[in-house]
Amino acid sequence: MSDDLQRLLQRAEALLARVDALLPGPGHQAVQPPDWAASTAFRYRRRGASLLGGGWLEPVRQVATIHLDELCEVDAQKERMVRNTAQFVAGRPANNMLLTGARGTGKSSLIKACLNQYAPQGLRLIEVDKDDLTDLPDIIEVVAERPEKFMVYCDDLSFEDGEPG
């Protein structure tokens, strides 16, 4: 075997060993569960994690304390969100919701106010960056057996051609 071919094979084996170290092994759970008692809101993080899994849910230490009665000029949206969220928390049929509108119109505030209203009944929030939406099945797997009800929240969601999310 030529020296060039031998070097190529050695480099290929080294590359495969590095890739293999990134792949999830037996019993691997792509998303690590958090301390569920630490907060009512969590952020999904992947910084420094493998591109093939290894994210975690980070507790939000200071959840916004906004309340539904503090939101003005969004009564129709608030009524629909509250009715749907109450049904969801009660285990009755509820719809997925997509809030749209210009920046500053209260979409995030409405979600946080609903969280504060229904957290005592077991509502929890998970914020996921748009770029990490491809990990949603892994996140769902971690919360599927939990007794709480989870809202998944993605702020600043937009869609462009070729985006994986």
Protein backbone atom coordinates (compact mmCIF):
# COMPACT_ATOMS: atom_id res chain seq x y z
CA MET A 1 0.00 0.00 0.00
CA SER A 2 1.40 3.41 -0.91
CA ASP A 3 2.31 5.97 1.73
CA ASP A 4 -0.30 8.40 0.37
CA LEU A 5 -3.05 5.80 0.66
CA GLN A 6 -1.90 4.83 4.15
CA ARG A 7 -2.02 8.50 5.30
CA LEU A 8 -5.47 8.91 3.73
CA LEU A 9 -6.78 5.85 5.58
CA GLN A 10 -5.31 7.06 8.87
CA ARG A 11 -6.94 10.48 8.44
CA ALA A 12 -10.26 8.87 7.50
CA GLU A 13 -10.15 6.64 10.60
CA ALA A 14 -9.32 9.62 12.82
CA LEU A 15 -12.20 11.60 11.31
CA LEU A 16 -14.61 8.69 11.81
CA ALA A 17 -13.53 8.37 15.45
CA ARG A 18 -14.24 12.08 16.01
CA VAL A 19 -17.67 11.84 14.36
CA ASP A 20 -18.47 8.69 16.32
CA ALA A 21 -17.80 10.56 19.57
CA LEU A 22 -20.53 13.06 18.61
CA LEU A 23 -23.17 10.44 17.89
CA PRO A 24 -25.61 9.49 20.64
CA GLY A 25 -24.84 6.09 22.11
CA PRO A 26 -27.12 3.49 23.72
CA GLY A 27 -29.27 4.99 26.43
CA HIS A 28 -28.43 8.53 25.30
CA GLN A 29 -31.10 11.12 25.91
CA ALA A 30 -30.63 14.06 23.58
CA VAL A 31 -32.22 16.57 25.96
CA GLN A 32 -31.24 16.50 29.61
CA PRO A 33 -34.15 17.16 31.98
CA PRO A 34 -33.80 20.13 34.34
CA ASP A 35 -34.63 20.55 37.98
CA TRP A 36 -38.36 20.93 37.36
CA ALA A 37 -38.87 22.67 40.72
CA ALA A 38 -36.41 25.45 39.82
CA SER A 39 -38.86 27.48 37.71
CA THR A 40 -42.11 27.58 35.76
CA ALA A 41 -40.25 28.60 32.59
CA PHE A 42 -37.31 27.00 30.82
CA ARG A 43 -35.11 27.77 27.82
CA TYR A 44 -33.79 25.09 25.51
CA ARG A 45 -30.04 25.48 25.06
CA ARG A 46 -27.54 23.80 22.74
CA ARG A 47 -24.49 26.04 23.13
CA GLY A 48 -21.40 23.86 23.22
CA ALA A 49 -23.51 20.74 22.73
CA SER A 50 -23.15 18.31 19.88
CA LEU A 51 -25.05 19.15 16.72
CA LEU A 52 -26.59 15.69 17.01
CA GLY A 53 -28.15 16.16 20.44
CA GLY A 54 -27.05 16.99 23.92
CA GLY A 55 -29.18 20.07 24.53
CA TRP A 56 -30.66 20.90 27.90
CA LEU A 57 -33.53 22.82 29.47
CA GLU A 58 -32.26 25.75 31.51
CA PRO A 59 -34.55 27.15 34.22
CA VAL A 60 -35.45 30.81 33.79
CA ARG A 61 -34.43 32.33 37.11
CA GLN A 62 -36.53 35.49 36.89
CA VAL A 63 -39.84 34.91 35.17
CA ALA A 64 -41.60 38.13 34.13
CA THR A 65 -44.31 38.97 36.64
CA ILE A 66 -46.79 40.46 34.17
CA HIS A 67 -50.46 39.66 34.81
CA LEU A 68 -53.40 39.40 32.43
CA ASP A 69 -55.20 42.41 33.91
CA GLU A 70 -52.18 44.59 33.09
CA LEU A 71 -52.54 44.00 29.33
CA CYS A 72 -54.53 46.67 27.53
CA GLU A 73 -55.95 46.96 24.02
CA VAL A 74 -55.68 43.21 23.33
CA ASP A 75 -58.95 42.08 24.89
CA ALA A 76 -60.11 39.85 22.03
CA GLN A 77 -56.73 38.10 21.74
CA LYS A 78 -56.47 37.81 25.52
CA GLU A 79 -59.94 36.24 25.78
CA ARG A 80 -59.14 33.61 23.14
CA MET A 81 -55.73 32.85 24.65
CA VAL A 82 -57.12 32.56 28.17
CA ARG A 83 -60.01 30.32 27.10
CA ASN A 84 -57.72 28.02 25.10
CA THR A 85 -55.07 27.90 27.85
CA ALA A 86 -57.67 27.10 30.52
CA GLN A 87 -58.94 24.21 28.41
CA PHE A 88 -55.38 22.98 27.83
CA VAL A 89 -54.47 23.07 31.53
CA ALA A 90 -57.72 21.27 32.39
CA GLY A 91 -56.84 18.46 29.96
CA ARG A 92 -59.65 19.32 27.57
CA PRO A 93 -59.22 19.80 23.81
CA ALA A 94 -57.23 22.92 23.00
CA ASN A 95 -55.64 24.37 19.90
CA ASN A 96 -52.07 25.16 19.06
CA MET A 97 -51.73 28.93 18.81
CA LEU A 98 -49.70 31.14 16.55
CA LEU A 99 -49.64 34.77 17.66
CA THR A 100 -48.79 37.20 14.90
CA GLY A 101 -48.29 40.93 14.82
CA ALA A 102 -45.71 43.67 14.71
CA ARG A 103 -43.03 44.01 17.37
CA GLY A 104 -44.28 45.50 20.60
CA THR A 105 -47.92 44.49 20.21
CA GLY A 106 -47.92 42.28 23.31
CA LYS A 107 -47.53 38.73 21.99
CA SER A 108 -44.77 37.75 24.42
CA SER A 109 -46.43 39.60 27.28
CA LEU A 110 -49.67 37.69 26.67
CA ILE A 111 -47.84 34.36 26.82
CA LYS A 112 -45.98 35.28 30.01
CA ALA A 113 -49.18 36.57 31.63
CA CYS A 114 -50.94 33.28 30.80
CA LEU A 115 -48.02 31.39 32.31
CA ASN A 116 -48.32 33.41 35.51
CA GLN A 117 -52.09 32.89 35.61
CA TYR A 118 -51.98 29.11 35.11
CA ALA A 119 -48.63 28.08 36.63
CA PRO A 120 -50.36 27.14 39.92
CA GLN A 121 -52.46 24.64 37.90
CA GLY A 122 -49.32 23.10 36.36
CA LEU A 123 -48.69 25.19 33.25
CA ARG A 124 -45.04 25.46 32.26
CA LEU A 125 -43.26 27.26 29.42
CA ILE A 126 -40.34 26.15 27.27
CA GLU A 127 -38.73 28.77 25.05
CA VAL A 128 -37.00 27.41 21.96
CA ASP A 129 -34.92 29.45 19.53
CA LYS A 130 -36.03 29.25 15.92
CA ASP A 131 -32.77 27.55 14.93
CA ASP A 132 -33.38 24.79 17.50
CA LEU A 133 -36.91 23.84 16.42
CA THR A 134 -35.47 20.77 14.71
CA ASP A 135 -34.84 19.42 18.25
CA LEU A 136 -38.53 19.71 19.17
CA PRO A 137 -39.13 15.91 19.07
CA ASP A 138 -36.33 15.45 21.63
CA ILE A 139 -37.79 18.16 23.86
CA ILE A 140 -41.25 16.60 23.64
CA GLU A 141 -39.80 13.24 24.64
CA VAL A 142 -38.46 14.74 27.88
CA VAL A 143 -41.77 16.36 28.89
CA ALA A 144 -44.22 13.77 27.55
CA GLU A 145 -44.51 11.83 30.82
CA ARG A 146 -44.50 14.90 33.08
CA PRO A 147 -47.71 15.80 34.94
CA GLU A 148 -47.41 19.48 34.00
CA LYS A 149 -48.77 21.00 30.78
CA PHE A 150 -46.14 22.64 28.60
CA MET A 151 -46.40 25.57 26.23
CA VAL A 152 -43.58 25.70 23.70
CA TYR A 153 -42.74 29.28 22.83
CA CYS A 154 -40.66 30.49 19.92
CA ASP A 155 -40.17 34.23 19.74
CA ASP A 156 -39.45 36.01 16.47
CA LEU A 157 -40.52 33.12 14.28
CA SER A 158 -40.13 33.71 10.57
CA PHE A 159 -39.70 31.35 7.67
CA GLU A 160 -37.19 31.58 4.86
CA ASP A 161 -36.44 29.09 2.09
CA GLY A 162 -33.90 26.48 3.14
CA GLU A 163 -34.28 26.93 6.91
CA PRO A 164 -34.31 23.59 8.78
CA GLY A 165 -36.81 24.73 11.45
